[in-house]
Amino acid sequence: MNAAFHFPQDVASVQHYFAGDHTNGVNAVPGEGLNIPIWILGSSLDSAKLAATRGLPYAFASHFAPAYFFKAIELYRNMFRPSRYLSKPYVIACVNVVAADTDADAEYLATSLKQLFKGIITGRRGPLRPPVESMDSIWSAAEREAAMQMLTYSFFGSKATIQAQLNDFISRSGINELMATSHIYDQRARLRSYRLLAEALNE
């Protein structure tokens, strides 16, 4: 219950162990002396402050907790203190991406993700479900509103659509790196989505 309050101390402990300081008689195996990068993954202003004050790179979980994304990365950049780990702020945004050959195909595939989020909201989680033609009979208006709020930074569409959406998002946020997750039921469609995403970002 109090894990969040101890998190800054836990981060310091991990850094201490990885540095190879044996004053407490504990050896970190594996990890010690390997200069393993430490990131702060968060979804709140507190995590942004911690990453900034410790001079660590920051990854924001905007793929399910978008509410504080822009406030958090602004706070992180403003409060950032250079450290031996990092000389200037570095931000990753985690987002949902479902890409397909057409916008309609992507929206169809994305219904698996929408069902997943409906399960999170209602507390009835389960394995990823196959896509459906329509979500209308699956969720209520309130469930839809809550899920779509959580899916604010989700990008569904063809390569051209994804490219335009992500270029705008990257431009507005100024992020250094994008981390994409794709909850797609069919493995071949998921691999296709990642290929289209890579093409969209590299062209």
C-alpha atoms as a PDB file:
ATOM      1  CA  MET A   1       0.000   0.000   0.000  1.00  0.00           C
ATOM      2  CA  ASN A   2       2.917   2.358   0.691  1.00  0.00           C
ATOM      3  CA  ALA A   3       5.090   1.310  -2.257  1.00  0.00           C
ATOM      4  CA  ALA A   4       4.692   4.690  -4.008  1.00  0.00           C
ATOM      5  CA  PHE A   5       6.098   6.525  -0.983  1.00  0.00           C
ATOM      6  CA  HIS A   6       9.212   4.332  -0.997  1.00  0.00           C
ATOM      7  CA  PHE A   7       9.761   4.507  -4.762  1.00  0.00           C
ATOM      8  CA  PRO A   8      12.422   7.282  -4.720  1.00  0.00           C
ATOM      9  CA  GLN A   9      14.392   5.327  -2.124  1.00  0.00           C
ATOM     10  CA  ASP A  10      13.962   2.125  -4.145  1.00  0.00           C
ATOM     11  CA  VAL A  11      15.401   3.826  -7.242  1.00  0.00           C
ATOM     12  CA  ALA A  12      18.379   5.053  -5.209  1.00  0.00           C
ATOM     13  CA  SER A  13      18.895   1.513  -3.880  1.00  0.00           C
ATOM     14  CA  VAL A  14      18.934   0.031  -7.392  1.00  0.00           C
ATOM     15  CA  GLN A  15      21.478   2.639  -8.490  1.00  0.00           C
ATOM     16  CA  HIS A  16      23.568   1.848  -5.411  1.00  0.00           C
ATOM     17  CA  TYR A  17      23.551  -1.904  -6.059  1.00  0.00           C
ATOM     18  CA  PHE A  18      24.327  -1.558  -9.753  1.00  0.00           C
ATOM     19  CA  ALA A  19      27.241   0.759  -8.950  1.00  0.00           C
ATOM     20  CA  GLY A  20      28.975  -2.085  -7.096  1.00  0.00           C
ATOM     21  CA  ASP A  21      29.234  -0.439  -3.686  1.00  0.00           C
ATOM     22  CA  HIS A  22      29.666  -3.349  -1.287  1.00  0.00           C
ATOM     23  CA  THR A  23      29.402  -1.425   1.980  1.00  0.00           C
ATOM     24  CA  ASN A  24      26.236  -3.320   2.853  1.00  0.00           C
ATOM     25  CA  GLY A  25      27.648  -6.715   1.871  1.00  0.00           C
ATOM     26  CA  VAL A  26      25.167  -7.221  -1.002  1.00  0.00           C
ATOM     27  CA  ASN A  27      26.198  -8.012  -4.568  1.00  0.00           C
ATOM     28  CA  ALA A  28      23.778  -7.429  -7.459  1.00  0.00           C
ATOM     29  CA  VAL A  29      24.041 -10.434  -9.776  1.00  0.00           C
ATOM     30  CA  PRO A  30      23.528  -9.884 -12.640  1.00  0.00           C
ATOM     31  CA  GLY A  31      23.779  -6.127 -13.110  1.00  0.00           C
ATOM     32  CA  GLU A  32      26.618  -4.953 -10.942  1.00  0.00           C
ATOM     33  CA  GLY A  33      29.163  -2.861 -12.819  1.00  0.00           C
ATOM     34  CA  LEU A  34      27.421  -3.274 -16.192  1.00  0.00           C
ATOM     35  CA  ASN A  35      26.265   0.348 -16.449  1.00  0.00           C
ATOM     36  CA  ILE A  36      22.655  -0.725 -17.037  1.00  0.00           C
ATOM     37  CA  PRO A  37      20.472   2.280 -17.981  1.00  0.00           C
ATOM     38  CA  ILE A  38      17.757   3.065 -15.461  1.00  0.00           C
ATOM     39  CA  TRP A  39      14.539   4.664 -16.641  1.00  0.00           C
ATOM     40  CA  ILE A  40      11.606   6.056 -14.726  1.00  0.00           C
ATOM     41  CA  LEU A  41       8.324   4.747 -16.143  1.00  0.00           C
ATOM     42  CA  GLY A  42       5.376   6.703 -14.841  1.00  0.00           C
ATOM     43  CA  SER A  43       1.941   8.138 -15.394  1.00  0.00           C
ATOM     44  CA  SER A  44       1.899  10.994 -12.884  1.00  0.00           C
ATOM     45  CA  LEU A  45       3.526  14.278 -11.978  1.00  0.00           C
ATOM     46  CA  ASP A  46       5.350  12.582  -9.097  1.00  0.00           C
ATOM     47  CA  SER A  47       7.180  10.248 -11.459  1.00  0.00           C
ATOM     48  CA  ALA A  48       8.106  13.211 -13.664  1.00  0.00           C
ATOM     49  CA  LYS A  49       9.629  15.025 -10.672  1.00  0.00           C
ATOM     50  CA  LEU A  50      11.586  11.958  -9.636  1.00  0.00           C
ATOM     51  CA  ALA A  51      13.009  11.420 -13.122  1.00  0.00           C
ATOM     52  CA  ALA A  52      13.918  15.109 -13.366  1.00  0.00           C
ATOM     53  CA  THR A  53      15.581  15.480  -9.972  1.00  0.00           C
ATOM     54  CA  ARG A  54      17.620  12.302 -10.455  1.00  0.00           C
ATOM     55  CA  GLY A  55      18.596  13.214 -14.008  1.00  0.00           C
ATOM     56  CA  LEU A  56      17.147  10.041 -15.507  1.00  0.00           C
ATOM     57  CA  PRO A  57      15.322   9.387 -18.787  1.00  0.00           C
ATOM     58  CA  TYR A  58      11.539   9.374 -18.505  1.00  0.00           C
ATOM     59  CA  ALA A  59       8.996   7.090 -20.165  1.00  0.00           C
ATOM     60  CA  PHE A  60       5.334   8.054 -19.814  1.00  0.00           C
ATOM     61  CA  ALA A  61       2.579   5.424 -19.894  1.00  0.00           C
ATOM     62  CA  SER A  62       0.259   7.418 -22.127  1.00  0.00           C
ATOM     63  CA  HIS A  63      -0.992   4.171 -23.711  1.00  0.00           C
ATOM     64  CA  PHE A  64      -3.383   3.721 -20.773  1.00  0.00           C
ATOM     65  CA  ALA A  65      -3.009   6.811 -18.537  1.00  0.00           C
ATOM     66  CA  PRO A  66      -2.992   9.846 -20.844  1.00  0.00           C
ATOM     67  CA  ALA A  67      -4.436  12.482 -18.497  1.00  0.00           C
ATOM     68  CA  TYR A  68      -1.161  14.012 -17.284  1.00  0.00           C
ATOM     69  CA  PHE A  69       1.035  13.318 -20.303  1.00  0.00           C
ATOM     70  CA  PHE A  70       1.725  16.866 -21.490  1.00  0.00           C
ATOM     71  CA  LYS A  71       1.868  18.307 -17.958  1.00  0.00           C
ATOM     72  CA  ALA A  72       4.246  15.583 -16.833  1.00  0.00           C
ATOM     73  CA  ILE A  73       6.733  15.916 -19.684  1.00  0.00           C
ATOM     74  CA  GLU A  74       6.691  19.712 -19.368  1.00  0.00           C
ATOM     75  CA  LEU A  75       7.389  19.419 -15.633  1.00  0.00           C
ATOM     76  CA  TYR A  76      10.140  16.882 -16.289  1.00  0.00           C
ATOM     77  CA  ARG A  77      11.871  19.138 -18.794  1.00  0.00           C
ATOM     78  CA  ASN A  78      11.578  22.243 -16.599  1.00  0.00           C
ATOM     79  CA  MET A  79      12.864  20.528 -13.453  1.00  0.00           C
ATOM     80  CA  PHE A  80      15.547  18.377 -15.097  1.00  0.00           C
ATOM     81  CA  ARG A  81      18.939  18.335 -13.417  1.00  0.00           C
ATOM     82  CA  PRO A  82      21.835  16.955 -15.468  1.00  0.00           C
ATOM     83  CA  SER A  83      23.453  13.896 -13.917  1.00  0.00           C
ATOM     84  CA  ARG A  84      26.244  11.467 -14.661  1.00  0.00           C
ATOM     85  CA  TYR A  85      23.577   9.379 -16.384  1.00  0.00           C
ATOM     86  CA  LEU A  86      22.058  12.015 -18.650  1.00  0.00           C
ATOM     87  CA  SER A  87      23.023  15.559 -19.688  1.00  0.00           C
ATOM     88  CA  LYS A  88      19.603  16.699 -20.940  1.00  0.00           C
ATOM     89  CA  PRO A  89      15.973  15.525 -20.751  1.00  0.00           C
ATOM     90  CA  TYR A  90      15.002  12.455 -22.739  1.00  0.00           C
ATOM     91  CA  VAL A  91      11.352  11.420 -23.113  1.00  0.00           C
ATOM     92  CA  ILE A  92       9.678   8.286 -24.417  1.00  0.00           C
ATOM     93  CA  ALA A  93       5.927   8.255 -24.995  1.00  0.00           C
ATOM     94  CA  CYS A  94       4.194   4.881 -24.845  1.00  0.00           C
ATOM     95  CA  VAL A  95       1.202   4.736 -27.216  1.00  0.00           C
ATOM     96  CA  ASN A  96      -1.195   2.220 -28.754  1.00  0.00           C
ATOM     97  CA  VAL A  97      -0.876   1.647 -32.495  1.00  0.00           C
ATOM     98  CA  VAL A  98      -3.041  -0.488 -34.763  1.00  0.00           C
ATOM     99  CA  ALA A  99      -2.059  -0.180 -38.415  1.00  0.00           C
ATOM    100  CA  ALA A 100      -3.529  -2.054 -41.378  1.00  0.00           C
ATOM    101  CA  ASP A 101      -3.854  -1.690 -45.137  1.00  0.00           C
ATOM    102  CA  THR A 102      -6.965   0.480 -44.767  1.00  0.00           C
ATOM    103  CA  ASP A 103      -8.461   2.667 -42.063  1.00  0.00           C
ATOM    104  CA  ALA A 104     -11.496   0.385 -41.903  1.00  0.00           C
ATOM    105  CA  ASP A 105      -9.340  -2.718 -41.370  1.00  0.00           C
ATOM    106  CA  ALA A 106      -7.408  -0.974 -38.587  1.00  0.00           C
ATOM    107  CA  GLU A 107     -10.590   0.127 -36.831  1.00  0.00           C
ATOM    108  CA  TYR A 108     -11.866  -3.446 -37.022  1.00  0.00           C
ATOM    109  CA  LEU A 109      -8.653  -4.861 -35.535  1.00  0.00           C
ATOM    110  CA  ALA A 110      -8.700  -2.182 -32.823  1.00  0.00           C
ATOM    111  CA  THR A 111     -11.942  -3.557 -31.390  1.00  0.00           C
ATOM    112  CA  SER A 112      -9.827  -6.179 -29.614  1.00  0.00           C
ATOM    113  CA  LEU A 113      -8.016  -3.377 -27.801  1.00  0.00           C
ATOM    114  CA  LYS A 114     -11.292  -1.635 -27.016  1.00  0.00           C
ATOM    115  CA  GLN A 115     -12.676  -4.841 -25.509  1.00  0.00           C
ATOM    116  CA  LEU A 116      -9.510  -5.131 -23.428  1.00  0.00           C
ATOM    117  CA  PHE A 117     -10.006  -1.646 -22.018  1.00  0.00           C
ATOM    118  CA  LYS A 118     -13.676  -2.334 -21.362  1.00  0.00           C
ATOM    119  CA  GLY A 119     -12.514  -5.268 -19.235  1.00  0.00           C
ATOM    120  CA  ILE A 120     -10.096  -3.021 -17.336  1.00  0.00           C
ATOM    121  CA  ILE A 121     -12.840  -0.476 -16.618  1.00  0.00           C
ATOM    122  CA  THR A 122     -15.378  -3.060 -15.473  1.00  0.00           C
ATOM    123  CA  GLY A 123     -12.883  -5.198 -13.560  1.00  0.00           C
ATOM    124  CA  ARG A 124     -13.612  -8.169 -15.818  1.00  0.00           C
ATOM    125  CA  ARG A 125     -10.255  -8.780 -17.406  1.00  0.00           C
ATOM    126  CA  GLY A 126      -9.501 -11.766 -19.577  1.00  0.00           C
ATOM    127  CA  PRO A 127      -7.469 -12.916 -22.582  1.00  0.00           C
ATOM    128  CA  LEU A 128      -7.421 -10.686 -25.651  1.00  0.00           C
ATOM    129  CA  ARG A 129     -10.621 -11.238 -27.607  1.00  0.00           C
ATOM    130  CA  PRO A 130     -11.124 -11.489 -31.387  1.00  0.00           C
ATOM    131  CA  PRO A 131     -12.172  -8.310 -33.203  1.00  0.00           C
ATOM    132  CA  VAL A 132     -15.857  -7.593 -33.816  1.00  0.00           C
ATOM    133  CA  GLU A 133     -17.744  -5.668 -36.455  1.00  0.00           C
ATOM    134  CA  SER A 134     -19.238  -3.279 -33.894  1.00  0.00           C
ATOM    135  CA  MET A 135     -18.689  -2.438 -30.225  1.00  0.00           C
ATOM    136  CA  ASP A 136     -22.230  -1.059 -29.812  1.00  0.00           C
ATOM    137  CA  SER A 137     -23.646  -4.180 -28.196  1.00  0.00           C
ATOM    138  CA  ILE A 138     -20.513  -4.858 -26.142  1.00  0.00           C
ATOM    139  CA  TRP A 139     -20.113  -1.684 -24.099  1.00  0.00           C
ATOM    140  CA  SER A 140     -22.389   0.931 -22.616  1.00  0.00           C
ATOM    141  CA  ALA A 141     -22.116   4.639 -23.395  1.00  0.00           C
ATOM    142  CA  ALA A 142     -20.377   5.233 -20.046  1.00  0.00           C
ATOM    143  CA  GLU A 143     -17.921   2.386 -20.634  1.00  0.00           C
ATOM    144  CA  ARG A 144     -17.194   3.686 -24.112  1.00  0.00           C
ATOM    145  CA  GLU A 145     -16.515   7.194 -22.816  1.00  0.00           C
ATOM    146  CA  ALA A 146     -14.184   5.930 -20.089  1.00  0.00           C
ATOM    147  CA  ALA A 147     -12.309   3.608 -22.454  1.00  0.00           C
ATOM    148  CA  MET A 148     -11.858   6.207 -25.171  1.00  0.00           C
ATOM    149  CA  GLN A 149     -10.493   8.668 -22.609  1.00  0.00           C
ATOM    150  CA  MET A 150      -7.855   6.091 -21.655  1.00  0.00           C
ATOM    151  CA  LEU A 151      -7.176   5.546 -25.370  1.00  0.00           C
ATOM    152  CA  THR A 152      -6.538   9.237 -26.097  1.00  0.00           C
ATOM    153  CA  TYR A 153      -3.062   8.541 -27.418  1.00  0.00           C
ATOM    154  CA  SER A 154      -3.999   5.602 -29.603  1.00  0.00           C
ATOM    155  CA  PHE A 155      -3.476   5.631 -33.337  1.00  0.00           C
ATOM    156  CA  PHE A 156      -5.562   3.451 -35.653  1.00  0.00           C
ATOM    157  CA  GLY A 157      -5.437   3.519 -39.438  1.00  0.00           C
ATOM    158  CA  SER A 158      -3.620   2.874 -42.679  1.00  0.00           C
ATOM    159  CA  LYS A 159       0.072   3.690 -43.046  1.00  0.00           C
ATOM    160  CA  ALA A 160      -0.747   7.153 -44.397  1.00  0.00           C
ATOM    161  CA  THR A 161      -3.198   7.846 -41.574  1.00  0.00           C
ATOM    162  CA  ILE A 162      -0.799   6.598 -38.894  1.00  0.00           C
ATOM    163  CA  GLN A 163       2.023   8.622 -40.420  1.00  0.00           C
ATOM    164  CA  ALA A 164       0.023  11.862 -40.306  1.00  0.00           C
ATOM    165  CA  GLN A 165      -1.278  11.232 -36.785  1.00  0.00           C
ATOM    166  CA  LEU A 166       2.116  10.297 -35.336  1.00  0.00           C
ATOM    167  CA  ASN A 167       3.970  13.127 -37.064  1.00  0.00           C
ATOM    168  CA  ASP A 168       1.525  15.561 -35.472  1.00  0.00           C
ATOM    169  CA  PHE A 169       1.833  13.880 -32.054  1.00  0.00           C
ATOM    170  CA  ILE A 170       5.635  13.848 -32.164  1.00  0.00           C
ATOM    171  CA  SER A 171       5.732  17.468 -33.302  1.00  0.00           C
ATOM    172  CA  ARG A 172       3.390  18.643 -30.537  1.00  0.00           C
ATOM    173  CA  SER A 173       5.050  16.653 -27.761  1.00  0.00           C
ATOM    174  CA  GLY A 174       8.682  16.952 -28.823  1.00  0.00           C
ATOM    175  CA  ILE A 175       9.366  13.417 -27.614  1.00  0.00           C
ATOM    176  CA  ASN A 176      12.719  11.783 -28.280  1.00  0.00           C
ATOM    177  CA  GLU A 177      11.404   8.276 -28.794  1.00  0.00           C
ATOM    178  CA  LEU A 178       8.148   6.443 -29.400  1.00  0.00           C
ATOM    179  CA  MET A 179       7.241   3.120 -27.779  1.00  0.00           C
ATOM    180  CA  ALA A 180       4.300   1.370 -29.402  1.00  0.00           C
ATOM    181  CA  THR A 181       2.162  -1.468 -28.136  1.00  0.00           C
ATOM    182  CA  SER A 182      -0.271  -3.244 -30.421  1.00  0.00           C
ATOM    183  CA  HIS A 183      -2.944  -5.459 -28.871  1.00  0.00           C
ATOM    184  CA  ILE A 184      -4.020  -7.226 -32.057  1.00  0.00           C
ATOM    185  CA  TYR A 185      -5.653 -10.652 -31.863  1.00  0.00           C
ATOM    186  CA  ASP A 186      -4.167 -12.177 -35.012  1.00  0.00           C
ATOM    187  CA  GLN A 187      -0.380 -12.552 -34.908  1.00  0.00           C
ATOM    188  CA  ARG A 188       0.054 -11.986 -38.639  1.00  0.00           C
ATOM    189  CA  ALA A 189      -2.015  -8.813 -38.467  1.00  0.00           C
ATOM    190  CA  ARG A 190       0.072  -7.671 -35.500  1.00  0.00           C
ATOM    191  CA  LEU A 191       3.335  -8.205 -37.395  1.00  0.00           C
ATOM    192  CA  ARG A 192       1.831  -6.404 -40.390  1.00  0.00           C
ATOM    193  CA  SER A 193       0.905  -3.507 -38.110  1.00  0.00           C
ATOM    194  CA  TYR A 194       4.467  -3.200 -36.825  1.00  0.00           C
ATOM    195  CA  ARG A 195       5.849  -3.285 -40.372  1.00  0.00           C
ATOM    196  CA  LEU A 196       3.475  -0.513 -41.474  1.00  0.00           C
ATOM    197  CA  LEU A 197       4.367   1.514 -38.386  1.00  0.00           C
ATOM    198  CA  ALA A 198       8.075   1.186 -39.115  1.00  0.00           C
ATOM    199  CA  GLU A 199       7.521   2.259 -42.703  1.00  0.00           C
ATOM    200  CA  ALA A 200       5.389   5.210 -41.603  1.00  0.00           C
ATOM    201  CA  LEU A 201       8.068   6.450 -39.220  1.00  0.00           C
ATOM    202  CA  ASN A 202      10.995   5.884 -41.559  1.00  0.00           C
ATOM    203  CA  GLU A 203       9.591   7.463 -44.722  1.00  0.00           C
END
